[in-house]
Amino acid sequence: MNILNMLINDPVVIYSFIGLAVLLGICGFYVYYFLKHISEDKK
């Protein structure tokens, strides 16, 4: 339980999770963007 408490209260871990969320959001946007344009290009 001490490790979980440390992870929740450590600002470095919180910033890392925020950075990962932003990175995954950008990756998801690019996947959507390229798949949309590939499907429109085939029409």
C-alpha atoms as a PDB file:
ATOM      1  CA  MET A   1       0.000   0.000   0.000  1.00  0.00           C
ATOM      2  CA  ASN A   2       2.957   2.289   0.602  1.00  0.00           C
ATOM      3  CA  ILE A   3       4.006   1.984  -3.064  1.00  0.00           C
ATOM      4  CA  LEU A   4       0.512   2.887  -4.274  1.00  0.00           C
ATOM      5  CA  ASN A   5       0.420   5.909  -1.957  1.00  0.00           C
ATOM      6  CA  MET A   6       3.847   6.989  -3.216  1.00  0.00           C
ATOM      7  CA  LEU A   7       2.745   6.676  -6.862  1.00  0.00           C
ATOM      8  CA  ILE A   8      -0.405   8.717  -6.288  1.00  0.00           C
ATOM      9  CA  ASN A   9       1.395  11.512  -4.429  1.00  0.00           C
ATOM     10  CA  ASP A  10       4.524  11.708  -6.617  1.00  0.00           C
ATOM     11  CA  PRO A  11       4.255  14.579  -9.119  1.00  0.00           C
ATOM     12  CA  VAL A  12       6.729  12.915 -11.501  1.00  0.00           C
ATOM     13  CA  VAL A  13       4.420   9.902 -11.847  1.00  0.00           C
ATOM     14  CA  ILE A  14       1.402  12.151 -12.392  1.00  0.00           C
ATOM     15  CA  TYR A  15       3.234  14.120 -15.111  1.00  0.00           C
ATOM     16  CA  SER A  16       4.333  10.847 -16.714  1.00  0.00           C
ATOM     17  CA  PHE A  17       0.753   9.606 -16.866  1.00  0.00           C
ATOM     18  CA  ILE A  18      -0.378  12.942 -18.330  1.00  0.00           C
ATOM     19  CA  GLY A  19       2.382  12.727 -20.935  1.00  0.00           C
ATOM     20  CA  LEU A  20       1.413   9.171 -21.838  1.00  0.00           C
ATOM     21  CA  ALA A  21      -2.247  10.185 -22.156  1.00  0.00           C
ATOM     22  CA  VAL A  22      -1.318  13.047 -24.505  1.00  0.00           C
ATOM     23  CA  LEU A  23       0.934  10.743 -26.527  1.00  0.00           C
ATOM     24  CA  LEU A  24      -1.780   8.110 -26.871  1.00  0.00           C
ATOM     25  CA  GLY A  25      -4.286  10.801 -27.832  1.00  0.00           C
ATOM     26  CA  ILE A  26      -2.001  12.074 -30.580  1.00  0.00           C
ATOM     27  CA  CYS A  27      -1.374   8.518 -31.820  1.00  0.00           C
ATOM     28  CA  GLY A  28      -5.109   7.825 -31.862  1.00  0.00           C
ATOM     29  CA  PHE A  29      -5.750  11.008 -33.823  1.00  0.00           C
ATOM     30  CA  TYR A  30      -3.149  10.097 -36.446  1.00  0.00           C
ATOM     31  CA  VAL A  31      -4.551   6.568 -36.816  1.00  0.00           C
ATOM     32  CA  TYR A  32      -8.046   8.015 -37.310  1.00  0.00           C
ATOM     33  CA  TYR A  33      -6.750  10.718 -39.680  1.00  0.00           C
ATOM     34  CA  PHE A  34      -4.781   8.355 -41.933  1.00  0.00           C
ATOM     35  CA  LEU A  35      -7.476   5.670 -42.006  1.00  0.00           C
ATOM     36  CA  LYS A  36     -10.100   8.278 -42.903  1.00  0.00           C
ATOM     37  CA  HIS A  37      -8.009   9.708 -45.730  1.00  0.00           C
ATOM     38  CA  ILE A  38      -7.057   6.258 -47.050  1.00  0.00           C
ATOM     39  CA  SER A  39     -10.706   5.236 -47.182  1.00  0.00           C
ATOM     40  CA  GLU A  40     -11.668   8.510 -48.914  1.00  0.00           C
ATOM     41  CA  ASP A  41      -8.845   8.074 -51.425  1.00  0.00           C
ATOM     42  CA  LYS A  42     -10.171   4.656 -52.511  1.00  0.00           C
ATOM     43  CA  LYS A  43     -13.619   6.076 -53.383  1.00  0.00           C
END
